[in-house]
Protein backbone atom coordinates (compact mmCIF):
# COMPACT_ATOMS: atom_id res chain seq x y z
CA UNK A 1 -12.75 1.70 44.15
CA UNK A 2 -11.06 3.27 41.13
CA UNK A 3 -12.94 1.87 38.16
CA UNK A 4 -11.22 0.20 35.23
CA UNK A 5 -13.38 2.36 32.97
CA UNK A 6 -15.62 5.37 33.56
CA UNK A 7 -17.94 7.06 31.08
CA UNK A 8 -17.60 10.82 30.86
CA UNK A 9 -19.01 13.86 29.09
CA UNK A 10 -16.46 15.58 26.87
CA UNK A 11 -18.52 17.93 24.69
CA UNK A 12 -22.13 18.80 23.95
CA UNK A 13 -23.56 15.30 24.32
CA UNK A 14 -26.49 16.30 26.56
CA UNK A 15 -27.33 19.37 24.46
CA UNK A 16 -27.56 17.22 21.36
CA UNK A 17 -29.65 14.55 23.10
CA UNK A 18 -32.08 17.26 24.23
CA UNK A 19 -32.19 18.65 20.70
CA UNK A 20 -32.98 15.25 19.22
CA UNK A 21 -35.95 14.92 21.59
CA UNK A 22 -37.08 18.48 20.83
CA UNK A 23 -37.05 17.71 17.11
CA UNK A 24 -39.58 14.95 17.79
CA UNK A 25 -37.49 12.48 15.78
CA UNK A 26 -35.72 9.90 17.86
CA UNK A 27 -35.83 6.87 15.54
CA UNK A 28 -32.84 6.01 13.39
CA UNK A 29 -31.39 7.79 10.37
CA UNK A 30 -32.43 11.22 11.55
CA UNK A 31 -30.39 14.41 11.89
CA UNK A 32 -27.73 13.24 14.32
CA UNK A 33 -27.30 9.87 12.64
CA UNK A 34 -26.56 11.69 9.41
CA UNK A 35 -24.26 14.11 11.24
CA UNK A 36 -22.25 11.23 12.73
CA UNK A 37 -21.90 9.51 9.37
CA UNK A 38 -20.88 12.71 7.61
CA UNK A 39 -18.23 13.49 10.24
CA UNK A 40 -16.81 9.97 10.13
CA UNK A 41 -16.73 9.98 6.33
CA UNK A 42 -14.85 13.27 6.51
CA UNK A 43 -12.33 11.69 8.91
CA UNK A 44 -11.84 8.58 6.75
CA UNK A 45 -11.87 10.49 3.46
CA UNK A 46 -11.75 8.99 -0.01
CA UNK A 47 -14.74 6.99 -1.24
CA UNK A 48 -15.49 5.57 2.21
CA UNK A 49 -19.14 5.31 3.26
CA UNK A 50 -20.04 4.97 6.93
CA UNK A 51 -23.29 3.59 8.34
CA UNK A 52 -23.72 3.78 12.10
CA UNK A 53 -25.21 0.68 13.71
CA UNK A 54 -26.55 -0.57 17.02
CA UNK A 55 -23.20 -2.23 17.81
CA UNK A 56 -19.89 -3.35 16.36
CA UNK A 57 -21.23 -6.90 16.62
CA UNK A 58 -24.12 -6.00 14.34
CA UNK A 59 -21.76 -4.30 11.90
CA UNK A 60 -19.77 -7.54 11.74
CA UNK A 61 -22.97 -9.52 11.20
CA UNK A 62 -23.77 -7.21 8.29
CA UNK A 63 -20.45 -8.10 6.62
CA UNK A 64 -21.41 -11.78 6.79
CA UNK A 65 -24.68 -10.98 5.04
CA UNK A 66 -22.96 -8.74 2.49
CA UNK A 67 -20.59 -11.59 1.60
CA UNK A 68 -23.50 -14.05 1.41
CA UNK A 69 -21.66 -16.49 3.66
CA UNK A 70 -23.15 -19.94 4.00
CA UNK A 71 -22.43 -23.38 5.41
CA UNK A 72 -19.13 -24.71 4.10
CA UNK A 73 -17.50 -21.31 3.79
CA UNK A 74 -14.50 -20.61 6.01
CA UNK A 75 -13.48 -17.42 7.80
CA UNK A 76 -10.08 -16.98 9.47
CA UNK A 77 -10.20 -15.12 12.79
CA UNK A 78 -7.57 -14.50 15.48
CA UNK A 79 -8.20 -16.62 18.55
CA UNK A 80 -7.31 -13.69 20.81
CA UNK A 81 -10.29 -11.43 20.21
CA UNK A 82 -13.81 -10.76 21.40
CA UNK A 83 -16.34 -13.46 20.56
CA UNK A 84 -18.21 -11.23 18.08
CA UNK A 85 -15.27 -11.40 15.66
CA UNK A 86 -16.15 -15.06 15.17
CA UNK A 87 -19.82 -15.42 16.12
CA UNK A 88 -20.93 -12.92 13.45
CA UNK A 89 -19.83 -15.40 10.77
CA UNK A 90 -20.76 -18.58 12.61
CA UNK A 91 -24.33 -17.21 12.54
CA UNK A 92 -24.20 -17.54 8.74
CA UNK A 93 -23.09 -21.18 9.05
CA UNK A 94 -19.45 -20.49 8.25
CA UNK A 95 -16.65 -22.59 9.73
CA UNK A 96 -14.25 -20.54 11.84
CA UNK A 97 -10.53 -21.23 11.53
CA UNK A 98 -8.59 -19.66 14.36
CA UNK A 99 -5.16 -18.10 13.86
CA UNK A 100 -2.55 -17.46 16.52
CA UNK A 101 -1.22 -13.98 17.26
CA UNK A 102 2.19 -12.33 17.19
CA UNK A 103 4.09 -12.13 20.46
CA UNK A 104 4.91 -8.43 19.99
CA UNK A 105 1.77 -6.53 18.88
CA UNK A 106 -0.68 -9.34 19.86
CA UNK A 107 -2.24 -9.04 16.39
CA UNK A 108 -3.04 -11.91 14.05
CA UNK A 109 0.20 -13.55 12.95
CA UNK A 110 0.32 -12.94 9.20
CA UNK A 111 3.17 -15.46 8.88
CA UNK A 112 0.77 -18.27 9.81
CA UNK A 113 -2.13 -17.33 7.52
CA UNK A 114 -1.20 -19.12 4.30
CA UNK A 115 -1.35 -22.57 5.88
CA UNK A 116 -4.89 -21.82 7.09
CA UNK A 117 -6.19 -20.80 3.66
CA UNK A 118 -8.15 -23.34 1.64
CA UNK A 119 -10.34 -23.06 -1.48
CA UNK A 120 -13.26 -22.49 0.92
CA UNK A 121 -11.72 -19.43 2.63
CA UNK A 122 -13.95 -16.41 2.01
CA UNK A 123 -12.62 -13.83 4.46
CA UNK A 124 -9.90 -13.01 6.98
CA UNK A 125 -10.83 -10.90 9.99
CA UNK A 126 -8.00 -8.71 11.31
CA UNK A 127 -8.27 -7.11 14.75
CA UNK A 128 -6.01 -4.15 15.45
CA UNK A 129 -5.40 -5.07 19.07
CA UNK A 130 -5.12 -2.13 21.49
CA UNK A 131 -5.32 0.19 18.48
CA UNK A 132 -1.99 -0.95 16.99
CA UNK A 133 -2.19 -2.02 13.36
CA UNK A 134 -1.85 -5.52 12.01
CA UNK A 135 0.77 -6.05 9.27
CA UNK A 136 -1.58 -4.90 6.53
CA UNK A 137 0.89 -4.94 3.62
CA UNK A 138 1.64 -8.63 4.16
CA UNK A 139 -2.00 -9.54 4.78
CA UNK A 140 -3.19 -7.79 1.61
CA UNK A 141 -0.39 -9.47 -0.39
CA UNK A 142 -1.49 -12.87 0.91
CA UNK A 143 -5.16 -12.35 0.02
CA UNK A 144 -4.62 -10.55 -3.29
CA UNK A 145 -6.03 -12.43 -6.27
CA UNK A 146 -7.47 -15.25 -4.16
CA UNK A 147 -11.01 -13.96 -3.81
CA UNK A 148 -10.52 -13.61 -0.05
CA UNK A 149 -11.97 -10.47 1.53
CA UNK A 150 -10.27 -8.64 4.40
CA UNK A 151 -12.54 -7.41 7.18
CA UNK A 152 -11.02 -5.02 9.71
CA UNK A 153 -12.50 -5.40 13.17
CA UNK A 154 -11.39 -1.91 14.13
CA UNK A 155 -13.13 -1.80 17.52
CA UNK A 156 -9.87 -0.69 19.17
CA UNK A 157 -8.35 1.26 16.34
CA UNK A 158 -10.37 4.36 15.46
CA UNK A 159 -7.89 7.16 14.55
CA UNK A 160 -4.95 4.74 14.50
CA UNK A 161 -2.76 4.52 11.39
CA UNK A 162 -0.55 2.06 9.53
CA UNK A 163 2.25 3.73 7.55
CA UNK A 164 0.31 6.99 7.58
CA UNK A 165 -3.02 5.48 6.48
CA UNK A 166 -6.04 5.30 8.77
CA UNK A 167 -7.07 1.92 10.12
CA UNK A 168 -10.46 0.97 8.74
CA UNK A 169 -9.56 1.88 5.16
CA UNK A 170 -7.61 -1.24 4.15
CA UNK A 171 -10.24 -3.98 3.99
CA UNK A 172 -13.34 -4.16 1.86
CA UNK A 173 -15.21 -3.69 5.13
CA UNK A 174 -14.30 -2.36 8.55
CA UNK A 175 -16.30 -2.16 11.75
CA UNK A 176 -16.15 0.30 14.66
CA UNK A 177 -17.29 0.07 18.25
CA UNK A 178 -18.75 2.84 20.40
CA UNK A 179 -19.22 0.67 23.48
CA UNK A 180 -18.67 2.48 26.77
CA UNK A 181 -15.11 1.11 27.06
CA UNK A 182 -14.01 2.64 23.75
CA UNK A 183 -12.31 6.00 23.15
CA UNK A 184 -15.47 7.49 21.63
CA UNK A 185 -18.72 6.09 22.99
CA UNK A 186 -22.49 6.27 23.20
CA UNK A 187 -22.83 3.36 25.63
CA UNK A 188 -23.69 0.79 22.97
CA UNK A 189 -23.15 1.44 19.29
CA UNK A 190 -21.04 0.75 16.24
CA UNK A 191 -20.46 1.55 12.60
CA UNK A 192 -19.90 -0.28 9.34
CA UNK A 193 -17.24 1.23 7.10
CA UNK A 194 -17.69 0.45 3.40
CA UNK A 195 -14.63 1.00 1.24
CA UNK A 196 -16.26 -0.03 -2.04
CA UNK A 197 -19.15 2.04 -3.38
CA UNK A 198 -20.70 -1.07 -4.96
CA UNK A 199 -21.55 -2.38 -1.47
CA UNK A 200 -23.44 0.69 -0.26
CA UNK A 201 -26.95 0.00 -1.59
CA UNK A 202 -27.06 -3.60 -0.34
CA UNK A 203 -25.62 -2.56 3.04
CA UNK A 204 -28.35 0.06 3.32
CA UNK A 205 -31.00 -2.59 2.69
CA UNK A 206 -29.53 -5.16 5.08
CA UNK A 207 -29.20 -2.55 7.82
CA UNK A 208 -32.88 -1.54 7.57
CA UNK A 209 -34.55 -4.92 8.04
CA UNK A 210 -33.92 -6.03 4.47
CA UNK A 211 -36.02 -3.22 2.99
CA UNK A 212 -35.26 -0.31 0.66
CA UNK A 213 -36.85 2.14 3.05
CA UNK A 214 -33.86 4.51 2.80
CA UNK A 215 -34.57 4.94 -0.91
CA UNK A 216 -38.19 5.70 -0.08
CA UNK A 217 -37.24 8.41 2.43
CA UNK A 218 -34.92 9.97 -0.14
CA UNK A 219 -37.80 10.08 -2.63
CA UNK A 220 -36.13 7.66 -5.03
CA UNK A 221 -39.08 5.21 -5.00
CA UNK A 222 -42.76 5.71 -4.18
CA UNK A 223 -42.97 2.69 -1.87
CA UNK A 224 -40.60 0.31 -0.17
CA UNK A 225 -40.65 -3.43 0.45
CA UNK A 226 -38.70 -6.51 1.47
CA UNK A 227 -35.67 -6.91 -0.81
CA UNK A 228 -33.04 -9.01 0.99
CA UNK A 229 -32.31 -10.74 4.28
CA UNK A 230 -31.52 -8.15 6.90
CA UNK A 231 -32.25 -7.05 10.42
CA UNK A 232 -32.74 -3.96 12.57
CA UNK A 233 -29.23 -2.55 12.75
CA UNK A 234 -30.18 1.16 12.80
CA UNK A 235 -29.11 3.21 15.83
CA UNK A 236 -31.66 5.43 17.60
CA UNK A 237 -31.06 9.12 16.97
CA UNK A 238 -30.93 9.73 20.73
CA UNK A 239 -27.80 7.59 20.93
CA UNK A 240 -26.52 9.14 17.72
CA UNK A 241 -26.91 12.59 19.31
CA UNK A 242 -24.77 11.52 22.25
CA UNK A 243 -22.27 9.95 19.86
CA UNK A 244 -22.07 13.09 17.76
CA UNK A 245 -21.15 15.06 20.88
CA UNK A 246 -18.26 12.67 21.46
CA UNK A 247 -17.15 12.48 17.84
CA UNK A 248 -17.10 16.27 17.64
CA UNK A 249 -14.58 16.27 20.50
CA UNK A 250 -12.46 13.39 19.21
CA UNK A 251 -9.23 15.37 19.06
CA UNK A 252 -9.50 16.38 22.73
CA UNK A 253 -10.30 12.78 23.67
CA UNK A 254 -7.29 11.45 21.78
CA UNK A 255 -4.98 14.10 23.23
CA UNK A 256 -5.89 13.21 26.80
CA UNK A 257 -5.67 9.47 26.16
CA UNK A 258 -2.23 9.93 24.64
CA UNK A 259 -1.14 11.82 27.76
CA UNK A 260 -2.37 9.00 30.01
CA UNK A 261 -0.76 6.28 27.88
CA UNK A 262 2.58 8.06 27.68
CA UNK A 263 2.58 8.69 31.45
CA UNK A 264 2.01 4.97 32.07
CA UNK A 265 4.81 4.07 29.68
CA UNK A 266 7.28 6.59 31.09
CA UNK A 267 6.59 5.84 34.74
CA UNK A 268 6.20 2.05 34.54
CA UNK A 269 8.85 0.98 32.02
CA UNK A 270 11.76 0.90 34.55
CA UNK A 271 9.63 -1.13 36.98
CA UNK A 272 8.55 -3.46 34.16
CA UNK A 273 12.14 -4.14 33.06
CA UNK A 274 13.19 -4.87 36.63
CA UNK A 275 10.30 -7.29 37.13
CA UNK A 276 10.42 -9.04 33.74
CA UNK A 277 7.03 -7.59 32.77
CA UNK A 278 6.26 -6.65 29.16
CA UNK A 279 4.62 -3.36 28.18
CA UNK A 280 2.82 -2.61 24.88
CA UNK A 281 4.89 -2.70 21.70
CA UNK A 282 4.15 -0.15 18.97
CA UNK A 283 6.14 -0.44 15.70
CA UNK A 284 7.68 2.80 14.43
CA UNK A 285 5.45 2.78 11.34
CA UNK A 286 2.25 2.57 13.37
CA UNK A 287 0.36 5.45 14.95
CA UNK A 288 -1.61 3.82 17.71
CA UNK A 289 -5.13 4.77 18.81
CA UNK A 290 -4.30 4.97 22.55
CA UNK A 291 -7.06 2.55 23.38
CA UNK A 292 -5.50 0.68 26.32
CA UNK A 293 -2.39 0.16 28.39
CA UNK A 294 -1.61 -3.40 29.41
CA UNK A 295 1.07 -5.36 31.24
CA UNK A 296 2.17 -8.94 30.51
CA UNK A 297 3.50 -10.95 33.45
CA UNK A 298 5.82 -13.98 33.34
CA UNK A 299 3.02 -16.36 34.32
CA UNK A 300 -0.61 -16.55 35.39
CA UNK A 301 0.07 -16.74 39.13
CA UNK A 302 2.02 -13.46 38.96
CA UNK A 303 -0.77 -11.86 36.97
CA UNK A 304 -3.48 -13.01 39.36
CA UNK A 305 -1.46 -11.87 42.38
CA UNK A 306 -1.01 -8.47 40.74
CA UNK A 307 -4.75 -8.05 40.16
CA UNK A 308 -5.38 -8.96 43.81
CA UNK A 309 -2.65 -6.51 44.86
CA UNK A 310 -4.40 -3.67 43.02
CA UNK A 311 -7.79 -4.69 44.37
CA UNK A 312 -6.44 -4.40 47.92
CA UNK A 313 -5.55 -0.83 47.02
CA UNK A 314 -9.04 -0.22 45.65
CA UNK A 315 -8.03 -0.28 41.99
CA UNK A 316 -9.97 -2.35 39.48
CA UNK A 317 -7.73 -3.91 36.80
CA UNK A 318 -8.88 -6.68 34.45
CA UNK A 319 -7.53 -9.45 32.26
CA UNK A 320 -8.71 -9.71 28.68
CA UNK A 321 -9.84 -12.31 26.15
CA UNK A 322 -10.09 -16.03 26.75
CA UNK A 323 -8.86 -18.06 23.75
CA UNK A 324 -11.68 -18.69 21.28
CA UNK A 325 -10.05 -21.76 19.75
CA UNK A 326 -10.45 -23.69 23.01
CA UNK A 327 -13.83 -22.23 24.00
CA UNK A 328 -16.75 -24.47 24.91
CA UNK A 329 -18.62 -23.48 21.75
CA UNK A 330 -15.67 -24.09 19.42
CA UNK A 331 -15.15 -27.54 20.88
CA UNK A 332 -18.84 -28.32 20.56
CA UNK A 333 -18.76 -27.31 16.89
CA UNK A 334 -15.88 -29.69 16.32
CA UNK A 335 -13.84 -27.11 14.44
CA UNK A 336 -10.47 -28.59 13.57
CA UNK A 337 -8.21 -25.87 14.88
CA UNK A 338 -4.53 -26.03 15.60
CA UNK A 339 -3.34 -24.92 19.00
CA UNK A 340 -2.49 -21.25 19.43
CA UNK A 341 0.35 -21.16 21.99
CA UNK A 342 0.94 -17.39 21.94
CA UNK A 343 -2.78 -16.76 22.44
CA UNK A 344 -2.80 -19.16 25.41
CA UNK A 345 0.19 -17.50 27.02
CA UNK A 346 -1.04 -13.95 26.51
CA UNK A 347 -4.52 -14.77 27.78
CA UNK A 348 -3.03 -16.14 31.01
CA UNK A 349 -0.65 -13.27 31.69
CA UNK A 350 -2.11 -9.98 30.41
CA UNK A 351 -3.78 -7.36 32.61
CA UNK A 352 -5.27 -4.03 31.55
CA UNK A 353 -4.81 -0.95 33.73
CA UNK A 354 -7.55 1.66 34.35
CA UNK A 355 -7.75 3.97 31.33
CA UNK A 356 -10.44 6.56 30.58
CA UNK A 357 -10.68 10.16 29.39
CA UNK A 358 -11.70 11.75 32.70
CA UNK A 359 -8.96 10.03 34.70
CA UNK A 360 -7.38 12.61 37.00
CA UNK A 361 -3.68 13.09 37.65
CA UNK A 362 -4.28 11.94 41.23
CA UNK A 363 -5.95 8.73 40.04
CA UNK A 364 -3.20 8.11 37.52
CA UNK A 365 -0.56 8.56 40.23
CA UNK A 366 -2.51 6.19 42.49
CA UNK A 367 -2.35 3.44 39.87
CA UNK A 368 1.32 4.02 39.09
CA UNK A 369 2.34 4.00 42.75
CA UNK A 370 0.36 0.83 43.37
CA UNK A 371 1.90 -0.93 40.37
CA UNK A 372 5.42 0.01 41.40
CA UNK A 373 4.82 -1.34 44.90
CA UNK A 374 4.35 -4.85 43.46
CA UNK A 375 7.27 -7.16 42.86
CA UNK A 376 6.88 -10.22 40.67
CA UNK A 377 8.89 -12.41 43.06
CA UNK A 378 6.17 -11.89 45.66
CA UNK A 379 7.81 -9.24 47.82
CA UNK A 380 5.74 -6.08 48.20
């Protein structure tokens, strides 16, 4: 079976892991943790501060703590996203208001945001789906002067750009994922991107169990103690060593992923047009992150038949998010959410093709040939 995703070594990951063990320092915030943060800050530039975390989910939870969210506060989240984009704020007692997505980029529909905003709205979470940017100019115009913070869930979008500017640098906070399905990975991991220097000290405390231990290790205080609510969001330096090996090779990773994505687009677009199947849309002013390649079928039965068709040919393809606005938990919470028709339709009809750095030309050709042997009207 050709996997949907496969982890691979692209640089000196194992050398660095061995070094971290040799140093005798495998807890968090050691050499390789600092190396990862320094490299990412160099990539983002400006006054950005990066703190690597145990996951993107935990980075999102940190933003809820940094904003001091509480019961009665509202956070707007796209319904078509991973559950962490919402649960991180529900954990603080916030009410989640779900927004529908655009039919082209599958990002949060900025044209529907204003009607969701109330005096209780504290933040809007934007998810750059498939590494293609949300409409950040419009979103920042909508939130400007209203005391509403923008949080970029940039799990898909590392190295992507909007009008020449890197994703992750628009909101007050951004979060990154280094889960095994992402472009750059350490199995499980994440990062919090802080775009305002005034947030750095509190973020440091929240990340390290609510203590000012980082100040102690830097010699700024002679003892450390419990300062704020926090948790253990610090990544082990063993994982950071693996991550640094991947981050150091990020340009090679992105080059290969671009090649795979462009091959899919070139070889499958004629078939897609003939079969009334949609392929990813990337606006001219967006530089995508080459995170995934997906197909959107006319209806769910076509999509399900296509997945079965690939499975028969020993290819593992997957659908994506289930709508959060109609989830069991959302219904149980009694959140008063409007329907999200685009989210419903996309959830029923989208399928993601195998996509990973070490994918061979033979494997890529196998997927393409198998896709082109499927006809939406049922004939194969």
